[in-house]
Amino acid sequence: MSDKSKYSQKELKEFEELILQKLKLAEEELKTLMGSINHSTDETIYGSYGGVKTLEDGAETMEREQMNQLAARQQKFINNLENALIRIKNGTYGICIDTGKLIQKERLMSVPHTMHSIDAKLKKG
């Protein structure tokens, strides 16, 4: 790793394009999840059997909860990607918030929204 303290404009543009691609995919996945959640909710409302609980009700509820958790996780990922774009704009992208050192490019390419170097991440456990 080099001793530079910031990424070049060219490198930042590369990260920005990667983040925008991931953001687009994440938003599409969230939209699909939300559609599935809304669809299963509609079926539950209109598909009850005179108020009688069935085994399927429990399974549907569990599945809906899992989908809600996935949607919440996806929304958090989207927020993290959007925050990474903000850091690119304000010049703090790629700098570890724990050590103040440059995060390795390879790490940023695989986890573009990270704010921690691999050393800082390993120390935290």
N, C-alpha and C. Protein backbone atom coordinates (compact mmCIF):
# COMPACT_ATOMS: atom_id res chain seq x y z
N MET A 1 0.84 -1.19 0.00
CA MET A 1 0.00 0.00 0.00
C MET A 1 0.88 1.24 0.00
N SER A 2 0.45 2.23 -0.75
CA SER A 2 1.25 3.46 -0.82
C SER A 2 0.99 4.35 0.39
N ASP A 3 1.80 5.37 0.50
CA ASP A 3 1.70 6.27 1.65
C ASP A 3 0.79 7.47 1.39
N LYS A 4 0.07 7.46 0.27
CA LYS A 4 -0.77 8.62 -0.01
C LYS A 4 -1.92 8.71 0.99
N SER A 5 -2.43 9.92 1.17
CA SER A 5 -3.45 10.12 2.19
C SER A 5 -4.86 10.25 1.60
N LYS A 6 -4.97 10.36 0.27
CA LYS A 6 -6.27 10.48 -0.38
C LYS A 6 -6.23 9.79 -1.73
N TYR A 7 -7.39 9.40 -2.20
CA TYR A 7 -7.49 8.84 -3.54
C TYR A 7 -7.59 9.96 -4.56
N SER A 8 -7.10 9.70 -5.77
CA SER A 8 -7.15 10.70 -6.85
C SER A 8 -8.59 10.89 -7.32
N GLN A 9 -8.83 11.97 -8.06
CA GLN A 9 -10.16 12.22 -8.61
C GLN A 9 -10.59 11.08 -9.53
N LYS A 10 -9.65 10.54 -10.29
CA LYS A 10 -9.94 9.42 -11.18
C LYS A 10 -10.38 8.20 -10.38
N GLU A 11 -9.67 7.91 -9.30
CA GLU A 11 -10.02 6.77 -8.44
C GLU A 11 -11.38 7.00 -7.78
N LEU A 12 -11.62 8.22 -7.32
CA LEU A 12 -12.89 8.54 -6.68
C LEU A 12 -14.05 8.36 -7.66
N LYS A 13 -13.82 8.75 -8.92
CA LYS A 13 -14.84 8.58 -9.95
C LYS A 13 -15.13 7.09 -10.16
N GLU A 14 -14.10 6.28 -10.13
CA GLU A 14 -14.24 4.83 -10.26
C GLU A 14 -15.08 4.26 -9.10
N PHE A 15 -14.78 4.71 -7.89
CA PHE A 15 -15.56 4.28 -6.72
C PHE A 15 -17.01 4.75 -6.84
N GLU A 16 -17.19 5.99 -7.28
CA GLU A 16 -18.53 6.55 -7.42
C GLU A 16 -19.37 5.72 -8.40
N GLU A 17 -18.77 5.35 -9.54
CA GLU A 17 -19.49 4.53 -10.52
C GLU A 17 -19.86 3.17 -9.93
N LEU A 18 -18.94 2.56 -9.20
CA LEU A 18 -19.21 1.28 -8.56
C LEU A 18 -20.37 1.41 -7.56
N ILE A 19 -20.33 2.45 -6.75
CA ILE A 19 -21.37 2.68 -5.75
C ILE A 19 -22.72 2.92 -6.42
N LEU A 20 -22.73 3.71 -7.50
CA LEU A 20 -23.99 3.98 -8.20
C LEU A 20 -24.58 2.70 -8.79
N GLN A 21 -23.72 1.81 -9.30
CA GLN A 21 -24.20 0.52 -9.82
C GLN A 21 -24.82 -0.31 -8.70
N LYS A 22 -24.11 -0.38 -7.57
CA LYS A 22 -24.62 -1.16 -6.43
C LYS A 22 -25.91 -0.55 -5.89
N LEU A 23 -25.98 0.77 -5.88
CA LEU A 23 -27.16 1.48 -5.40
C LEU A 23 -28.37 1.16 -6.28
N LYS A 24 -28.17 1.17 -7.57
CA LYS A 24 -29.27 0.88 -8.50
C LYS A 24 -29.80 -0.54 -8.27
N LEU A 25 -28.87 -1.51 -8.17
CA LEU A 25 -29.28 -2.89 -7.91
C LEU A 25 -30.00 -3.04 -6.57
N ALA A 26 -29.46 -2.39 -5.55
CA ALA A 26 -30.05 -2.47 -4.21
C ALA A 26 -31.46 -1.88 -4.19
N GLU A 27 -31.65 -0.76 -4.90
CA GLU A 27 -32.98 -0.14 -4.95
C GLU A 27 -33.97 -1.02 -5.70
N GLU A 28 -33.50 -1.70 -6.77
CA GLU A 28 -34.37 -2.62 -7.50
C GLU A 28 -34.76 -3.80 -6.61
N GLU A 29 -33.80 -4.34 -5.86
CA GLU A 29 -34.08 -5.45 -4.95
C GLU A 29 -35.06 -5.04 -3.86
N LEU A 30 -34.88 -3.82 -3.32
CA LEU A 30 -35.79 -3.33 -2.28
C LEU A 30 -37.20 -3.19 -2.85
N LYS A 31 -37.30 -2.66 -4.06
CA LYS A 31 -38.61 -2.50 -4.70
C LYS A 31 -39.29 -3.86 -4.86
N THR A 32 -38.54 -4.87 -5.30
CA THR A 32 -39.08 -6.22 -5.45
C THR A 32 -39.53 -6.78 -4.09
N LEU A 33 -38.69 -6.60 -3.07
CA LEU A 33 -39.05 -7.06 -1.73
C LEU A 33 -40.33 -6.39 -1.23
N MET A 34 -40.40 -5.09 -1.41
CA MET A 34 -41.58 -4.35 -0.95
C MET A 34 -42.83 -4.82 -1.69
N GLY A 35 -42.69 -5.10 -2.98
CA GLY A 35 -43.81 -5.62 -3.75
C GLY A 35 -44.27 -6.98 -3.21
N SER A 36 -43.32 -7.83 -2.87
CA SER A 36 -43.64 -9.14 -2.31
C SER A 36 -44.31 -9.00 -0.95
N ILE A 37 -43.80 -8.09 -0.13
CA ILE A 37 -44.39 -7.87 1.20
C ILE A 37 -45.83 -7.37 1.06
N ASN A 38 -46.03 -6.41 0.18
CA ASN A 38 -47.38 -5.87 -0.02
C ASN A 38 -48.32 -6.93 -0.59
N HIS A 39 -47.81 -7.76 -1.49
CA HIS A 39 -48.62 -8.82 -2.08
C HIS A 39 -49.02 -9.85 -1.02
N SER A 40 -48.08 -10.25 -0.17
CA SER A 40 -48.40 -11.25 0.86
C SER A 40 -49.34 -10.66 1.90
N THR A 41 -49.24 -9.37 2.18
CA THR A 41 -50.15 -8.72 3.12
C THR A 41 -51.56 -8.71 2.54
N ASP A 42 -51.68 -8.40 1.24
CA ASP A 42 -52.99 -8.41 0.58
C ASP A 42 -53.63 -9.79 0.65
N GLU A 43 -52.82 -10.84 0.39
CA GLU A 43 -53.34 -12.20 0.44
C GLU A 43 -53.81 -12.57 1.84
N THR A 44 -53.06 -12.11 2.85
CA THR A 44 -53.42 -12.42 4.24
C THR A 44 -54.74 -11.74 4.61
N ILE A 45 -54.91 -10.50 4.19
CA ILE A 45 -56.12 -9.76 4.52
C ILE A 45 -57.34 -10.40 3.86
N TYR A 46 -57.20 -10.77 2.59
CA TYR A 46 -58.35 -11.28 1.85
C TYR A 46 -58.46 -12.80 1.86
N GLY A 47 -57.46 -13.49 2.40
CA GLY A 47 -57.46 -14.94 2.34
C GLY A 47 -57.74 -15.63 3.66
N SER A 48 -58.25 -14.93 4.65
CA SER A 48 -58.52 -15.58 5.93
C SER A 48 -59.78 -16.43 5.83
N TYR A 49 -59.83 -17.45 6.65
CA TYR A 49 -60.95 -18.40 6.61
C TYR A 49 -61.89 -18.13 7.77
N GLY A 50 -62.66 -17.07 7.66
CA GLY A 50 -63.64 -16.76 8.70
C GLY A 50 -63.02 -16.55 10.07
N GLY A 51 -61.82 -16.02 10.10
CA GLY A 51 -61.16 -15.75 11.37
C GLY A 51 -60.52 -16.97 12.00
N VAL A 52 -60.56 -18.13 11.36
CA VAL A 52 -59.96 -19.35 11.90
C VAL A 52 -58.47 -19.35 11.59
N LYS A 53 -57.66 -19.55 12.60
CA LYS A 53 -56.21 -19.62 12.42
C LYS A 53 -55.81 -20.99 11.86
N THR A 54 -54.92 -20.96 10.90
CA THR A 54 -54.42 -22.21 10.35
C THR A 54 -52.91 -22.24 10.52
N LEU A 55 -52.32 -23.40 10.28
CA LEU A 55 -50.86 -23.51 10.36
C LEU A 55 -50.18 -22.59 9.36
N GLU A 56 -50.83 -22.40 8.20
CA GLU A 56 -50.25 -21.52 7.19
C GLU A 56 -50.14 -20.08 7.69
N ASP A 57 -51.06 -19.67 8.56
CA ASP A 57 -51.01 -18.30 9.09
C ASP A 57 -49.68 -18.03 9.78
N GLY A 58 -49.23 -18.99 10.59
CA GLY A 58 -47.96 -18.84 11.30
C GLY A 58 -46.80 -18.81 10.34
N ALA A 59 -46.83 -19.67 9.34
CA ALA A 59 -45.75 -19.70 8.35
C ALA A 59 -45.74 -18.41 7.55
N GLU A 60 -46.92 -17.91 7.18
CA GLU A 60 -46.99 -16.65 6.42
C GLU A 60 -46.47 -15.49 7.26
N THR A 61 -46.83 -15.48 8.52
CA THR A 61 -46.37 -14.41 9.41
C THR A 61 -44.85 -14.45 9.54
N MET A 62 -44.29 -15.65 9.70
CA MET A 62 -42.84 -15.77 9.82
C MET A 62 -42.15 -15.33 8.53
N GLU A 63 -42.70 -15.74 7.40
CA GLU A 63 -42.13 -15.37 6.10
C GLU A 63 -42.19 -13.85 5.90
N ARG A 64 -43.31 -13.25 6.29
CA ARG A 64 -43.48 -11.80 6.16
C ARG A 64 -42.47 -11.06 7.05
N GLU A 65 -42.26 -11.58 8.27
CA GLU A 65 -41.27 -10.97 9.17
C GLU A 65 -39.87 -11.06 8.58
N GLN A 66 -39.54 -12.22 7.99
CA GLN A 66 -38.22 -12.37 7.36
C GLN A 66 -38.07 -11.40 6.19
N MET A 67 -39.13 -11.25 5.41
CA MET A 67 -39.07 -10.32 4.27
C MET A 67 -38.92 -8.88 4.77
N ASN A 68 -39.60 -8.56 5.85
CA ASN A 68 -39.46 -7.22 6.44
C ASN A 68 -38.03 -6.98 6.92
N GLN A 69 -37.42 -8.02 7.52
CA GLN A 69 -36.03 -7.90 7.97
C GLN A 69 -35.09 -7.71 6.78
N LEU A 70 -35.32 -8.47 5.72
CA LEU A 70 -34.52 -8.31 4.51
C LEU A 70 -34.67 -6.91 3.93
N ALA A 71 -35.89 -6.41 3.92
CA ALA A 71 -36.15 -5.06 3.40
C ALA A 71 -35.44 -4.01 4.26
N ALA A 72 -35.48 -4.19 5.57
CA ALA A 72 -34.81 -3.24 6.48
C ALA A 72 -33.30 -3.28 6.27
N ARG A 73 -32.75 -4.49 6.10
CA ARG A 73 -31.32 -4.64 5.85
C ARG A 73 -30.94 -4.00 4.51
N GLN A 74 -31.79 -4.18 3.52
CA GLN A 74 -31.53 -3.60 2.19
C GLN A 74 -31.59 -2.07 2.27
N GLN A 75 -32.54 -1.54 3.04
CA GLN A 75 -32.64 -0.09 3.19
C GLN A 75 -31.40 0.47 3.88
N LYS A 76 -30.90 -0.24 4.88
CA LYS A 76 -29.67 0.18 5.57
C LYS A 76 -28.49 0.19 4.60
N PHE A 77 -28.40 -0.84 3.74
CA PHE A 77 -27.34 -0.92 2.74
C PHE A 77 -27.43 0.27 1.78
N ILE A 78 -28.65 0.60 1.36
CA ILE A 78 -28.86 1.75 0.47
C ILE A 78 -28.40 3.03 1.16
N ASN A 79 -28.78 3.20 2.42
CA ASN A 79 -28.35 4.39 3.18
C ASN A 79 -26.84 4.46 3.28
N ASN A 80 -26.18 3.32 3.52
CA ASN A 80 -24.72 3.29 3.61
C ASN A 80 -24.08 3.68 2.28
N LEU A 81 -24.64 3.19 1.18
CA LEU A 81 -24.11 3.56 -0.14
C LEU A 81 -24.30 5.05 -0.41
N GLU A 82 -25.47 5.58 -0.06
CA GLU A 82 -25.72 7.01 -0.25
C GLU A 82 -24.77 7.85 0.60
N ASN A 83 -24.49 7.39 1.81
CA ASN A 83 -23.53 8.10 2.67
C ASN A 83 -22.12 8.05 2.08
N ALA A 84 -21.78 6.94 1.44
CA ALA A 84 -20.47 6.83 0.78
C ALA A 84 -20.36 7.86 -0.35
N LEU A 85 -21.44 8.06 -1.09
CA LEU A 85 -21.44 9.09 -2.15
C LEU A 85 -21.22 10.48 -1.56
N ILE A 86 -21.82 10.72 -0.42
CA ILE A 86 -21.63 12.02 0.27
C ILE A 86 -20.16 12.18 0.67
N ARG A 87 -19.56 11.09 1.18
CA ARG A 87 -18.15 11.17 1.58
C ARG A 87 -17.25 11.42 0.38
N ILE A 88 -17.61 10.89 -0.78
CA ILE A 88 -16.84 11.18 -1.99
C ILE A 88 -16.90 12.67 -2.28
N LYS A 89 -18.11 13.23 -2.20
CA LYS A 89 -18.30 14.65 -2.50
C LYS A 89 -17.57 15.56 -1.51
N ASN A 90 -17.54 15.17 -0.23
CA ASN A 90 -16.91 16.06 0.76
C ASN A 90 -15.44 15.73 1.03
N GLY A 91 -14.90 14.76 0.27
CA GLY A 91 -13.46 14.50 0.34
C GLY A 91 -12.99 13.61 1.47
N THR A 92 -13.90 12.91 2.13
CA THR A 92 -13.49 12.04 3.23
C THR A 92 -13.59 10.57 2.88
N TYR A 93 -13.96 10.26 1.65
CA TYR A 93 -14.14 8.87 1.24
C TYR A 93 -12.80 8.12 1.22
N GLY A 94 -12.83 6.89 1.73
CA GLY A 94 -11.65 6.04 1.68
C GLY A 94 -10.69 6.24 2.83
N ILE A 95 -11.08 7.09 3.78
CA ILE A 95 -10.23 7.35 4.95
C ILE A 95 -10.88 6.68 6.16
N CYS A 96 -10.14 5.82 6.82
CA CYS A 96 -10.65 5.07 7.97
C CYS A 96 -11.03 6.04 9.10
N ILE A 97 -12.24 5.88 9.63
CA ILE A 97 -12.67 6.78 10.71
C ILE A 97 -12.00 6.44 12.04
N ASP A 98 -11.39 5.26 12.12
CA ASP A 98 -10.70 4.87 13.36
C ASP A 98 -9.22 5.25 13.36
N THR A 99 -8.56 5.00 12.22
CA THR A 99 -7.11 5.21 12.17
C THR A 99 -6.71 6.48 11.43
N GLY A 100 -7.62 7.01 10.60
CA GLY A 100 -7.29 8.19 9.79
C GLY A 100 -6.43 7.85 8.58
N LYS A 101 -6.18 6.56 8.37
CA LYS A 101 -5.35 6.14 7.24
C LYS A 101 -6.23 5.75 6.06
N LEU A 102 -5.60 5.69 4.91
CA LEU A 102 -6.30 5.33 3.70
C LEU A 102 -6.71 3.85 3.74
N ILE A 103 -7.96 3.57 3.42
CA ILE A 103 -8.46 2.20 3.36
C ILE A 103 -7.96 1.61 2.04
N GLN A 104 -7.51 0.36 2.08
CA GLN A 104 -6.98 -0.27 0.87
C GLN A 104 -8.03 -0.30 -0.23
N LYS A 105 -7.55 -0.04 -1.46
CA LYS A 105 -8.44 0.02 -2.61
C LYS A 105 -9.20 -1.30 -2.80
N GLU A 106 -8.53 -2.43 -2.59
CA GLU A 106 -9.17 -3.73 -2.76
C GLU A 106 -10.37 -3.87 -1.82
N ARG A 107 -10.21 -3.38 -0.59
CA ARG A 107 -11.31 -3.44 0.38
C ARG A 107 -12.47 -2.57 -0.08
N LEU A 108 -12.17 -1.38 -0.56
CA LEU A 108 -13.22 -0.48 -1.01
C LEU A 108 -13.93 -1.01 -2.26
N MET A 109 -13.20 -1.74 -3.10
CA MET A 109 -13.82 -2.30 -4.29
C MET A 109 -14.82 -3.40 -3.91
N SER A 110 -14.54 -4.13 -2.85
CA SER A 110 -15.47 -5.20 -2.45
C SER A 110 -16.53 -4.70 -1.46
N VAL A 111 -16.18 -3.71 -0.64
CA VAL A 111 -17.14 -3.13 0.32
C VAL A 111 -17.06 -1.60 0.19
N PRO A 112 -17.63 -1.05 -0.88
CA PRO A 112 -17.42 0.37 -1.18
C PRO A 112 -18.00 1.36 -0.16
N HIS A 113 -18.88 0.89 0.70
CA HIS A 113 -19.47 1.78 1.70
C HIS A 113 -18.75 1.73 3.05
N THR A 114 -17.67 0.94 3.15
CA THR A 114 -16.99 0.81 4.44
C THR A 114 -16.33 2.12 4.87
N MET A 115 -16.25 2.29 6.16
CA MET A 115 -15.56 3.46 6.73
C MET A 115 -14.39 3.00 7.60
N HIS A 116 -14.09 1.69 7.55
CA HIS A 116 -13.06 1.12 8.41
C HIS A 116 -12.02 0.38 7.58
N SER A 117 -10.76 0.59 7.91
CA SER A 117 -9.69 -0.21 7.29
C SER A 117 -9.80 -1.62 7.83
N ILE A 118 -9.17 -2.54 7.17
CA ILE A 118 -9.22 -3.93 7.62
C ILE A 118 -8.57 -4.08 9.00
N ASP A 119 -7.50 -3.31 9.25
CA ASP A 119 -6.85 -3.35 10.58
C ASP A 119 -7.81 -2.91 11.67
N ALA A 120 -8.51 -1.81 11.44
CA ALA A 120 -9.45 -1.30 12.44
C ALA A 120 -10.60 -2.29 12.64
N LYS A 121 -11.08 -2.88 11.57
CA LYS A 121 -12.17 -3.86 11.64
C LYS A 121 -11.76 -5.08 12.45
N LEU A 122 -10.53 -5.57 12.22
CA LEU A 122 -10.05 -6.74 12.95
C LEU A 122 -9.86 -6.45 14.44
N LYS A 123 -9.42 -5.24 14.78
CA LYS A 123 -9.23 -4.86 16.19
C LYS A 123 -10.57 -4.80 16.93
N LYS A 124 -11.62 -4.35 16.22
CA LYS A 124 -12.93 -4.26 16.84
C LYS A 124 -13.56 -5.63 17.05
N GLY A 125 -13.14 -6.59 16.22
CA GLY A 125 -13.67 -7.94 16.36
C GLY A 125 -14.87 -8.12 15.61
